[in-house]
């Protein structure tokens, strides 16, 4: 599930980067794309390690 979410979020983030760069959407696209890319890469890393990284961050 993390792998699917990470792949999907990364692809959508890259798509938003492209259409924001081409000035098709407003500059808020940079913020949305950066959030999606960070979440996507984090999820891909979590899927590759097989653990939830938020557990260590939250202390649980």
N, C-alpha and C. Protein backbone atom coordinates (compact mmCIF):
# COMPACT_ATOMS: atom_id res chain seq x y z
N UNK A 1 0.83 -1.19 0.00
CA UNK A 1 0.00 0.00 0.00
C UNK A 1 0.87 1.26 0.00
N UNK A 2 1.95 1.23 0.79
CA UNK A 2 2.85 2.40 0.80
C UNK A 2 3.51 2.60 -0.55
N UNK A 3 3.83 1.51 -1.20
CA UNK A 3 4.48 1.60 -2.50
C UNK A 3 3.54 2.22 -3.53
N UNK A 4 2.27 1.83 -3.52
CA UNK A 4 1.30 2.39 -4.45
C UNK A 4 1.06 3.88 -4.18
N UNK A 5 0.91 4.23 -2.90
CA UNK A 5 0.71 5.63 -2.56
C UNK A 5 1.93 6.46 -2.93
N UNK A 6 3.11 5.95 -2.63
CA UNK A 6 4.33 6.67 -2.94
C UNK A 6 4.51 6.89 -4.43
N UNK A 7 4.23 5.86 -5.20
CA UNK A 7 4.34 5.99 -6.66
C UNK A 7 3.32 6.99 -7.20
N UNK A 8 2.10 6.88 -6.73
CA UNK A 8 1.04 7.78 -7.18
C UNK A 8 1.33 9.22 -6.78
N UNK A 9 1.72 9.45 -5.54
CA UNK A 9 2.00 10.82 -5.08
C UNK A 9 3.19 11.42 -5.81
N UNK A 10 4.21 10.62 -6.08
CA UNK A 10 5.37 11.12 -6.80
C UNK A 10 5.02 11.47 -8.23
N UNK A 11 4.26 10.63 -8.89
CA UNK A 11 3.86 10.93 -10.27
C UNK A 11 2.98 12.16 -10.36
N UNK A 12 2.02 12.29 -9.46
CA UNK A 12 1.16 13.48 -9.46
C UNK A 12 1.98 14.72 -9.13
N UNK A 13 2.93 14.60 -8.20
CA UNK A 13 3.80 15.73 -7.86
C UNK A 13 4.64 16.18 -9.05
N UNK A 14 5.18 15.22 -9.80
CA UNK A 14 5.95 15.57 -10.99
C UNK A 14 5.07 16.20 -12.06
N UNK A 15 3.85 15.71 -12.18
CA UNK A 15 2.90 16.31 -13.12
C UNK A 15 2.60 17.76 -12.74
N UNK A 16 2.39 18.01 -11.44
CA UNK A 16 2.13 19.38 -10.98
C UNK A 16 3.33 20.29 -11.20
N UNK A 17 4.54 19.75 -11.03
CA UNK A 17 5.74 20.54 -11.30
C UNK A 17 5.76 20.97 -12.76
N UNK A 18 5.45 20.03 -13.65
CA UNK A 18 5.49 20.33 -15.09
C UNK A 18 4.45 21.38 -15.47
N UNK A 19 3.21 21.22 -15.00
CA UNK A 19 2.19 22.19 -15.42
C UNK A 19 2.34 23.53 -14.71
N UNK A 20 2.96 23.55 -13.54
CA UNK A 20 3.24 24.83 -12.89
C UNK A 20 4.39 25.54 -13.61
N UNK A 21 5.39 24.78 -14.01
CA UNK A 21 6.52 25.36 -14.74
C UNK A 21 6.06 25.97 -16.07
N UNK A 22 5.10 25.35 -16.70
CA UNK A 22 4.58 25.86 -17.97
C UNK A 22 3.52 26.94 -17.79
N UNK A 23 3.28 27.37 -16.55
CA UNK A 23 2.33 28.42 -16.21
C UNK A 23 0.91 28.08 -16.62
N UNK A 24 0.56 26.82 -16.55
CA UNK A 24 -0.82 26.41 -16.83
C UNK A 24 -1.70 26.62 -15.60
N UNK A 25 -1.12 26.41 -14.42
CA UNK A 25 -1.85 26.67 -13.18
C UNK A 25 -1.13 27.74 -12.39
N UNK A 26 -1.76 28.18 -11.33
CA UNK A 26 -1.23 29.25 -10.49
C UNK A 26 0.04 28.82 -9.74
N UNK A 27 0.78 29.77 -9.18
CA UNK A 27 2.01 29.43 -8.45
C UNK A 27 1.82 28.56 -7.20
N UNK A 28 0.58 28.38 -6.72
CA UNK A 28 0.37 27.48 -5.58
C UNK A 28 0.73 26.05 -5.94
N UNK A 29 0.87 25.77 -7.23
CA UNK A 29 1.25 24.44 -7.68
C UNK A 29 2.61 24.01 -7.17
N UNK A 30 3.51 24.99 -6.95
CA UNK A 30 4.82 24.65 -6.40
C UNK A 30 4.68 24.10 -4.99
N UNK A 31 3.79 24.68 -4.21
CA UNK A 31 3.60 24.21 -2.84
C UNK A 31 2.96 22.83 -2.84
N UNK A 32 1.92 22.66 -3.62
CA UNK A 32 1.24 21.37 -3.69
C UNK A 32 2.16 20.28 -4.22
N UNK A 33 2.95 20.60 -5.23
CA UNK A 33 3.83 19.59 -5.80
C UNK A 33 4.95 19.22 -4.84
N UNK A 34 5.46 20.19 -4.09
CA UNK A 34 6.52 19.86 -3.13
C UNK A 34 5.99 18.99 -2.01
N UNK A 35 4.77 19.25 -1.55
CA UNK A 35 4.17 18.41 -0.51
C UNK A 35 3.97 16.98 -1.02
N UNK A 36 3.47 16.85 -2.24
CA UNK A 36 3.26 15.52 -2.81
C UNK A 36 4.57 14.79 -3.05
N UNK A 37 5.60 15.50 -3.49
CA UNK A 37 6.88 14.85 -3.72
C UNK A 37 7.52 14.37 -2.43
N UNK A 38 7.46 15.19 -1.39
CA UNK A 38 8.02 14.78 -0.10
C UNK A 38 7.25 13.59 0.47
N UNK A 39 5.93 13.65 0.40
CA UNK A 39 5.12 12.52 0.89
C UNK A 39 5.36 11.27 0.07
N UNK A 40 5.49 11.43 -1.24
CA UNK A 40 5.73 10.29 -2.11
C UNK A 40 7.07 9.64 -1.87
N UNK A 41 8.13 10.46 -1.77
CA UNK A 41 9.45 9.89 -1.52
C UNK A 41 9.53 9.25 -0.14
N UNK A 42 8.89 9.87 0.84
CA UNK A 42 8.86 9.27 2.18
C UNK A 42 8.14 7.94 2.19
N UNK A 43 7.06 7.87 1.46
CA UNK A 43 6.32 6.62 1.39
C UNK A 43 7.09 5.56 0.63
N UNK A 44 7.79 5.95 -0.43
CA UNK A 44 8.61 4.99 -1.15
C UNK A 44 9.76 4.47 -0.29
N UNK A 45 10.36 5.34 0.50
CA UNK A 45 11.41 4.90 1.41
C UNK A 45 10.86 3.96 2.47
N UNK A 46 9.70 4.29 3.00
CA UNK A 46 9.08 3.42 4.00
C UNK A 46 8.75 2.06 3.41
N UNK A 47 8.31 2.04 2.16
CA UNK A 47 7.99 0.77 1.51
C UNK A 47 9.26 -0.04 1.26
N UNK A 48 10.35 0.65 0.93
CA UNK A 48 11.58 -0.08 0.66
C UNK A 48 12.20 -0.66 1.93
N UNK A 49 12.06 0.04 3.05
CA UNK A 49 12.58 -0.47 4.32
C UNK A 49 11.60 -1.39 5.02
N UNK A 50 10.34 -1.31 4.66
CA UNK A 50 9.33 -2.18 5.26
C UNK A 50 8.89 -1.76 6.64
N UNK A 51 9.14 -0.52 7.01
CA UNK A 51 8.72 -0.01 8.32
C UNK A 51 8.05 1.34 8.13
N UNK A 52 7.27 1.72 9.10
CA UNK A 52 6.64 3.03 9.09
C UNK A 52 7.59 4.01 9.76
N UNK A 53 8.04 5.02 9.04
CA UNK A 53 9.01 5.96 9.59
C UNK A 53 8.37 6.93 10.57
N UNK A 54 7.06 7.09 10.52
CA UNK A 54 6.40 8.01 11.44
C UNK A 54 6.39 7.47 12.87
N UNK A 55 6.52 6.18 13.04
CA UNK A 55 6.56 5.62 14.40
C UNK A 55 7.75 6.16 15.16
N UNK A 56 8.90 6.21 14.51
CA UNK A 56 10.09 6.71 15.21
C UNK A 56 10.00 8.22 15.43
N UNK A 57 9.37 8.93 14.52
CA UNK A 57 9.22 10.37 14.66
C UNK A 57 8.25 10.70 15.80
N UNK A 58 7.15 9.95 15.86
CA UNK A 58 6.14 10.21 16.88
C UNK A 58 6.47 9.56 18.22
N UNK A 59 7.45 8.67 18.23
CA UNK A 59 7.87 8.03 19.48
C UNK A 59 6.99 6.88 19.90
N UNK A 60 6.33 6.22 18.96
CA UNK A 60 5.47 5.10 19.30
C UNK A 60 6.09 3.80 18.85
